[in-house]
Amino acid sequence: MRRLLLTARARANLELPDGDAGTDARDIVDHLRQSLTVSLSQRHPDWDSEQVSAEVDRKLSHHYGPVVTFARERSQQPEGREWAKHLANNYKKVYNLHAGEDRGAPWWDRDRDVVWLLTAGRGRTRDL
């Protein structure tokens, strides 16, 4: 199975804990989702599961949009649709990743079947 990994820079930009560098992005999203679900359920015991789920999705998209989009999209298709042409000396195909106003830069290491989220952050990719 293809692995989806984040570089230390992407983790720092998204303010994720260092943790295990080998943790797959899908596992990171699952962990964040579980933590938010528990926290919101405790904070709002009067909310039903749909309200909690909607707020969890909103918070994940707002705070961790690039990793959520990366995990969802690159697990289906390792390459993106839009090549990041503005990168200097781009000898590898780095693609743009759009998550609302947030951006990221994934790259697929075909030899190892690993898709890396090289960097991520708010706004345009060239500002990362």
N, C-alpha and C. Protein backbone atom coordinates (compact mmCIF):
# COMPACT_ATOMS: atom_id res chain seq x y z
N MET A 1 0.85 -1.18 0.00
CA MET A 1 0.00 0.00 0.00
C MET A 1 0.89 1.25 0.00
N ARG A 2 0.50 2.20 -0.79
CA ARG A 2 1.24 3.46 -0.89
C ARG A 2 1.25 4.17 0.47
N ARG A 3 2.41 4.72 0.82
CA ARG A 3 2.51 5.50 2.06
C ARG A 3 2.42 6.98 1.75
N LEU A 4 1.82 7.72 2.66
CA LEU A 4 1.67 9.18 2.56
C LEU A 4 2.34 9.78 3.78
N LEU A 5 3.48 10.44 3.57
CA LEU A 5 4.27 10.94 4.69
C LEU A 5 4.45 12.46 4.61
N LEU A 6 4.67 13.07 5.77
CA LEU A 6 4.91 14.50 5.86
C LEU A 6 6.35 14.75 6.26
N THR A 7 6.97 15.73 5.62
CA THR A 7 8.32 16.12 6.02
C THR A 7 8.24 16.88 7.35
N ALA A 8 9.38 17.05 7.98
CA ALA A 8 9.44 17.82 9.23
C ALA A 8 8.95 19.25 8.99
N ARG A 9 9.28 19.80 7.83
CA ARG A 9 8.85 21.18 7.51
C ARG A 9 7.32 21.26 7.41
N ALA A 10 6.70 20.30 6.73
CA ALA A 10 5.24 20.30 6.60
C ALA A 10 4.59 20.16 7.98
N ARG A 11 5.14 19.27 8.81
CA ARG A 11 4.60 19.08 10.17
C ARG A 11 4.71 20.38 10.97
N ALA A 12 5.84 21.04 10.87
CA ALA A 12 6.04 22.29 11.61
C ALA A 12 5.10 23.38 11.10
N ASN A 13 4.98 23.50 9.78
CA ASN A 13 4.10 24.52 9.21
C ASN A 13 2.64 24.33 9.62
N LEU A 14 2.24 23.06 9.78
CA LEU A 14 0.87 22.75 10.17
C LEU A 14 0.70 22.67 11.69
N GLU A 15 1.80 22.95 12.41
CA GLU A 15 1.82 22.92 13.87
C GLU A 15 1.38 21.56 14.42
N LEU A 16 1.86 20.50 13.75
CA LEU A 16 1.63 19.13 14.23
C LEU A 16 2.78 18.73 15.13
N PRO A 17 2.53 17.92 16.13
CA PRO A 17 3.63 17.45 16.98
C PRO A 17 4.63 16.65 16.14
N ASP A 18 5.89 16.68 16.54
CA ASP A 18 6.92 15.96 15.80
C ASP A 18 6.55 14.49 15.61
N GLY A 19 6.28 13.82 16.69
CA GLY A 19 5.84 12.43 16.62
C GLY A 19 6.77 11.57 15.78
N ASP A 20 6.23 10.48 15.30
CA ASP A 20 6.98 9.54 14.48
C ASP A 20 6.98 10.02 13.05
N ALA A 21 8.15 10.26 12.50
CA ALA A 21 8.26 10.75 11.12
C ALA A 21 7.67 9.76 10.13
N GLY A 22 7.55 8.50 10.50
CA GLY A 22 7.02 7.48 9.61
C GLY A 22 5.52 7.30 9.72
N THR A 23 4.84 8.19 10.43
CA THR A 23 3.39 8.07 10.59
C THR A 23 2.70 8.51 9.31
N ASP A 24 1.85 7.65 8.78
CA ASP A 24 1.12 7.93 7.56
C ASP A 24 0.13 9.06 7.79
N ALA A 25 -0.06 9.90 6.77
CA ALA A 25 -0.97 11.05 6.87
C ALA A 25 -2.39 10.61 7.21
N ARG A 26 -2.82 9.45 6.70
CA ARG A 26 -4.17 8.96 7.01
C ARG A 26 -4.31 8.66 8.50
N ASP A 27 -3.24 8.13 9.10
CA ASP A 27 -3.27 7.86 10.55
C ASP A 27 -3.27 9.16 11.35
N ILE A 28 -2.56 10.16 10.87
CA ILE A 28 -2.54 11.47 11.53
C ILE A 28 -3.94 12.06 11.52
N VAL A 29 -4.61 12.02 10.37
CA VAL A 29 -5.97 12.56 10.26
C VAL A 29 -6.92 11.78 11.16
N ASP A 30 -6.80 10.45 11.18
CA ASP A 30 -7.66 9.63 12.05
C ASP A 30 -7.46 9.99 13.52
N HIS A 31 -6.20 10.18 13.92
CA HIS A 31 -5.89 10.55 15.30
C HIS A 31 -6.48 11.93 15.64
N LEU A 32 -6.29 12.89 14.75
CA LEU A 32 -6.84 14.22 14.97
C LEU A 32 -8.36 14.16 15.08
N ARG A 33 -8.99 13.39 14.19
CA ARG A 33 -10.44 13.25 14.20
C ARG A 33 -10.93 12.65 15.53
N GLN A 34 -10.28 11.60 15.99
CA GLN A 34 -10.66 10.96 17.25
C GLN A 34 -10.49 11.92 18.43
N SER A 35 -9.37 12.61 18.47
CA SER A 35 -9.11 13.56 19.57
C SER A 35 -10.14 14.68 19.59
N LEU A 36 -10.45 15.23 18.43
CA LEU A 36 -11.44 16.30 18.35
C LEU A 36 -12.83 15.80 18.73
N THR A 37 -13.16 14.60 18.30
CA THR A 37 -14.47 14.03 18.62
C THR A 37 -14.64 13.87 20.13
N VAL A 38 -13.63 13.33 20.79
CA VAL A 38 -13.69 13.16 22.25
C VAL A 38 -13.79 14.52 22.93
N SER A 39 -12.94 15.44 22.52
CA SER A 39 -12.92 16.76 23.14
C SER A 39 -14.26 17.49 22.98
N LEU A 40 -14.79 17.49 21.77
CA LEU A 40 -16.06 18.19 21.53
C LEU A 40 -17.24 17.49 22.21
N SER A 41 -17.21 16.18 22.26
CA SER A 41 -18.29 15.44 22.93
C SER A 41 -18.32 15.75 24.42
N GLN A 42 -17.14 15.90 25.01
CA GLN A 42 -17.06 16.23 26.44
C GLN A 42 -17.45 17.68 26.69
N ARG A 43 -17.04 18.57 25.80
CA ARG A 43 -17.32 19.98 25.95
C ARG A 43 -18.79 20.32 25.67
N HIS A 44 -19.42 19.53 24.82
CA HIS A 44 -20.82 19.79 24.41
C HIS A 44 -21.64 18.51 24.54
N PRO A 45 -21.93 18.08 25.76
CA PRO A 45 -22.65 16.82 25.95
C PRO A 45 -24.07 16.85 25.38
N ASP A 46 -24.60 18.03 25.13
CA ASP A 46 -25.95 18.15 24.57
C ASP A 46 -25.98 18.00 23.05
N TRP A 47 -24.83 17.97 22.39
CA TRP A 47 -24.78 17.84 20.94
C TRP A 47 -24.99 16.38 20.55
N ASP A 48 -25.71 16.16 19.43
CA ASP A 48 -25.84 14.80 18.92
C ASP A 48 -24.62 14.49 18.05
N SER A 49 -24.51 13.26 17.58
CA SER A 49 -23.32 12.82 16.84
C SER A 49 -23.14 13.59 15.53
N GLU A 50 -24.25 13.98 14.89
CA GLU A 50 -24.14 14.75 13.65
C GLU A 50 -23.54 16.13 13.89
N GLN A 51 -23.93 16.78 14.98
CA GLN A 51 -23.38 18.09 15.32
C GLN A 51 -21.90 17.98 15.62
N VAL A 52 -21.53 16.97 16.39
CA VAL A 52 -20.12 16.76 16.73
C VAL A 52 -19.32 16.49 15.45
N SER A 53 -19.82 15.60 14.61
CA SER A 53 -19.13 15.25 13.37
C SER A 53 -18.95 16.47 12.46
N ALA A 54 -19.98 17.28 12.34
CA ALA A 54 -19.90 18.48 11.49
C ALA A 54 -18.85 19.45 12.02
N GLU A 55 -18.81 19.63 13.34
CA GLU A 55 -17.83 20.55 13.93
C GLU A 55 -16.41 19.99 13.81
N VAL A 56 -16.26 18.68 13.96
CA VAL A 56 -14.96 18.03 13.79
C VAL A 56 -14.46 18.27 12.36
N ASP A 57 -15.34 18.04 11.38
CA ASP A 57 -14.95 18.27 9.98
C ASP A 57 -14.56 19.72 9.73
N ARG A 58 -15.32 20.65 10.30
CA ARG A 58 -15.02 22.07 10.13
C ARG A 58 -13.66 22.41 10.71
N LYS A 59 -13.41 21.93 11.94
CA LYS A 59 -12.12 22.22 12.60
C LYS A 59 -10.95 21.58 11.86
N LEU A 60 -11.13 20.35 11.41
CA LEU A 60 -10.06 19.68 10.65
C LEU A 60 -9.73 20.45 9.38
N SER A 61 -10.76 20.86 8.65
CA SER A 61 -10.53 21.61 7.41
C SER A 61 -9.88 22.96 7.68
N HIS A 62 -10.31 23.61 8.74
CA HIS A 62 -9.79 24.94 9.04
C HIS A 62 -8.34 24.90 9.53
N HIS A 63 -8.05 23.98 10.44
CA HIS A 63 -6.71 23.96 11.06
C HIS A 63 -5.72 23.04 10.35
N TYR A 64 -6.21 21.99 9.71
CA TYR A 64 -5.32 20.98 9.12
C TYR A 64 -5.71 20.66 7.68
N GLY A 65 -6.26 21.63 6.97
CA GLY A 65 -6.74 21.41 5.61
C GLY A 65 -5.77 20.72 4.68
N PRO A 66 -4.51 21.16 4.63
CA PRO A 66 -3.58 20.52 3.70
C PRO A 66 -3.34 19.03 3.98
N VAL A 67 -3.24 18.64 5.26
CA VAL A 67 -2.98 17.23 5.54
C VAL A 67 -4.24 16.39 5.30
N VAL A 68 -5.41 16.95 5.55
CA VAL A 68 -6.67 16.25 5.28
C VAL A 68 -6.82 16.03 3.78
N THR A 69 -6.61 17.08 3.00
CA THR A 69 -6.71 16.99 1.54
C THR A 69 -5.64 16.06 0.99
N PHE A 70 -4.43 16.18 1.49
CA PHE A 70 -3.32 15.31 1.07
C PHE A 70 -3.67 13.85 1.29
N ALA A 71 -4.16 13.52 2.49
CA ALA A 71 -4.50 12.13 2.82
C ALA A 71 -5.63 11.62 1.91
N ARG A 72 -6.63 12.44 1.69
CA ARG A 72 -7.79 12.02 0.88
C ARG A 72 -7.41 11.88 -0.59
N GLU A 73 -6.80 12.92 -1.15
CA GLU A 73 -6.54 12.92 -2.59
C GLU A 73 -5.39 12.03 -3.01
N ARG A 74 -4.28 12.06 -2.28
CA ARG A 74 -3.10 11.30 -2.71
C ARG A 74 -3.21 9.81 -2.39
N SER A 75 -4.15 9.41 -1.55
CA SER A 75 -4.37 7.98 -1.36
C SER A 75 -5.06 7.40 -2.59
N GLN A 76 -5.80 8.25 -3.32
CA GLN A 76 -6.47 7.82 -4.55
C GLN A 76 -5.58 7.97 -5.78
N GLN A 77 -4.89 9.09 -5.87
CA GLN A 77 -4.08 9.42 -7.04
C GLN A 77 -2.79 10.10 -6.56
N PRO A 78 -1.63 9.45 -6.71
CA PRO A 78 -0.39 10.01 -6.15
C PRO A 78 0.06 11.33 -6.79
N GLU A 79 -0.25 11.51 -8.06
CA GLU A 79 0.13 12.75 -8.73
C GLU A 79 -1.05 13.71 -8.75
N GLY A 80 -0.74 14.99 -8.69
CA GLY A 80 -1.78 15.99 -8.75
C GLY A 80 -2.10 16.36 -10.18
N ARG A 81 -2.93 17.36 -10.33
CA ARG A 81 -3.31 17.83 -11.67
C ARG A 81 -2.50 19.04 -12.09
N GLU A 82 -1.96 19.76 -11.11
CA GLU A 82 -1.27 21.02 -11.41
C GLU A 82 0.17 20.95 -10.92
N TRP A 83 1.09 20.98 -11.84
CA TRP A 83 2.51 20.90 -11.54
C TRP A 83 2.99 22.24 -11.02
N ALA A 84 3.79 22.25 -9.96
CA ALA A 84 4.33 23.47 -9.37
C ALA A 84 5.51 23.93 -10.22
N LYS A 85 5.23 24.64 -11.28
CA LYS A 85 6.24 25.03 -12.27
C LYS A 85 7.18 26.12 -11.79
N HIS A 86 6.77 26.87 -10.78
CA HIS A 86 7.56 28.02 -10.35
C HIS A 86 8.73 27.65 -9.44
N LEU A 87 8.85 26.39 -9.04
CA LEU A 87 9.95 26.00 -8.16
C LEU A 87 11.27 26.00 -8.92
N ALA A 88 12.29 26.58 -8.32
CA ALA A 88 13.61 26.62 -8.94
C ALA A 88 14.19 25.21 -9.02
N ASN A 89 14.84 24.91 -10.13
CA ASN A 89 15.52 23.62 -10.30
C ASN A 89 14.61 22.44 -9.98
N ASN A 90 13.39 22.51 -10.46
CA ASN A 90 12.42 21.47 -10.17
C ASN A 90 12.68 20.24 -11.03
N TYR A 91 13.64 19.41 -10.62
CA TYR A 91 13.97 18.22 -11.37
C TYR A 91 13.01 17.08 -11.05
N LYS A 92 12.22 17.23 -10.01
CA LYS A 92 11.19 16.26 -9.66
C LYS A 92 9.85 16.94 -9.85
N LYS A 93 8.86 16.17 -10.20
CA LYS A 93 7.54 16.75 -10.39
C LYS A 93 6.86 16.96 -9.05
N VAL A 94 6.89 18.17 -8.61
CA VAL A 94 6.19 18.57 -7.39
C VAL A 94 4.88 19.21 -7.83
N TYR A 95 3.81 18.80 -7.20
CA TYR A 95 2.49 19.29 -7.58
C TYR A 95 1.95 20.25 -6.54
N ASN A 96 1.03 21.09 -6.97
CA ASN A 96 0.32 21.97 -6.05
C ASN A 96 -0.81 21.18 -5.41
N LEU A 97 -1.06 21.47 -4.15
CA LEU A 97 -2.17 20.88 -3.42
C LEU A 97 -3.01 22.03 -2.89
N HIS A 98 -4.28 22.04 -3.21
CA HIS A 98 -5.18 23.11 -2.78
C HIS A 98 -6.13 22.58 -1.73
N ALA A 99 -6.21 23.28 -0.62
CA ALA A 99 -7.16 22.95 0.46
C ALA A 99 -7.78 24.27 0.90
N GLY A 100 -8.80 24.72 0.17
CA GLY A 100 -9.35 26.04 0.42
C GLY A 100 -8.30 27.08 0.07
N GLU A 101 -8.02 27.96 1.01
CA GLU A 101 -6.96 28.96 0.79
C GLU A 101 -5.58 28.42 1.12
N ASP A 102 -5.51 27.27 1.76
CA ASP A 102 -4.23 26.67 2.14
C ASP A 102 -3.63 25.94 0.94
N ARG A 103 -2.30 25.80 0.99
CA ARG A 103 -1.59 25.16 -0.10
C ARG A 103 -0.58 24.17 0.46
N GLY A 104 -0.19 23.24 -0.40
CA GLY A 104 0.84 22.28 -0.05
C GLY A 104 1.60 21.90 -1.31
N ALA A 105 2.69 21.17 -1.13
CA ALA A 105 3.52 20.74 -2.25
C ALA A 105 3.88 19.27 -2.08
N PRO A 106 3.09 18.37 -2.69
CA PRO A 106 3.40 16.94 -2.61
C PRO A 106 4.30 16.48 -3.75
N TRP A 107 5.05 15.43 -3.49
CA TRP A 107 5.91 14.81 -4.47
C TRP A 107 5.83 13.30 -4.31
N TRP A 108 5.70 12.58 -5.41
CA TRP A 108 5.60 11.13 -5.39
C TRP A 108 6.94 10.50 -5.72
N ASP A 109 7.49 9.79 -4.75
CA ASP A 109 8.72 9.00 -4.95
C ASP A 109 8.27 7.64 -5.48
N ARG A 110 8.27 7.52 -6.78
CA ARG A 110 7.75 6.31 -7.43
C ARG A 110 8.53 5.06 -7.04
N ASP A 111 9.85 5.19 -6.90
CA ASP A 111 10.68 4.02 -6.59
C ASP A 111 10.29 3.38 -5.26
N ARG A 112 9.88 4.20 -4.31
CA ARG A 112 9.52 3.70 -2.97
C ARG A 112 8.00 3.68 -2.74
N ASP A 113 7.25 4.18 -3.71
CA ASP A 113 5.79 4.33 -3.63
C ASP A 113 5.39 5.08 -2.36
N VAL A 114 6.05 6.22 -2.16
CA VAL A 114 5.76 7.12 -1.04
C VAL A 114 5.43 8.48 -1.62
N VAL A 115 4.32 9.06 -1.17
CA VAL A 115 3.99 10.43 -1.55
C VAL A 115 4.33 11.30 -0.34
N TRP A 116 5.17 12.29 -0.56
CA TRP A 116 5.61 13.20 0.50
C TRP A 116 4.86 14.52 0.41
N LEU A 117 4.42 15.02 1.54
CA LEU A 117 3.96 16.40 1.61
C LEU A 117 5.19 17.19 2.04
N LEU A 118 5.81 17.87 1.07
CA LEU A 118 7.08 18.54 1.33
C LEU A 118 6.93 19.76 2.22
N THR A 119 5.88 20.53 1.98
CA THR A 119 5.61 21.73 2.77
C THR A 119 4.13 22.05 2.66
N ALA A 120 3.64 22.83 3.57
CA ALA A 120 2.23 23.22 3.57
C ALA A 120 2.08 24.51 4.36
N GLY A 121 1.02 25.24 4.06
CA GLY A 121 0.77 26.47 4.80
C GLY A 121 -0.37 27.26 4.24
N ARG A 122 -0.55 28.44 4.76
CA ARG A 122 -1.63 29.32 4.35
C ARG A 122 -1.27 30.07 3.07
N GLY A 123 -2.25 30.25 2.22
CA GLY A 123 -2.06 31.09 1.04
C GLY A 123 -1.36 30.40 -0.10
N ARG A 124 -0.72 31.18 -0.92
CA ARG A 124 -0.13 30.68 -2.16
C ARG A 124 1.12 29.86 -1.90
N THR A 125 1.34 28.85 -2.74
CA THR A 125 2.46 27.93 -2.60
C THR A 125 3.80 28.65 -2.63
N ARG A 126 3.92 29.68 -3.43
CA ARG A 126 5.22 30.34 -3.54
C ARG A 126 5.61 31.04 -2.23
N ASP A 127 4.65 31.23 -1.32
CA ASP A 127 4.94 31.85 -0.04
C ASP A 127 5.40 30.84 1.01
N LEU A 128 5.43 29.56 0.67
CA LEU A 128 5.77 28.53 1.64
C LEU A 128 7.26 28.43 1.85
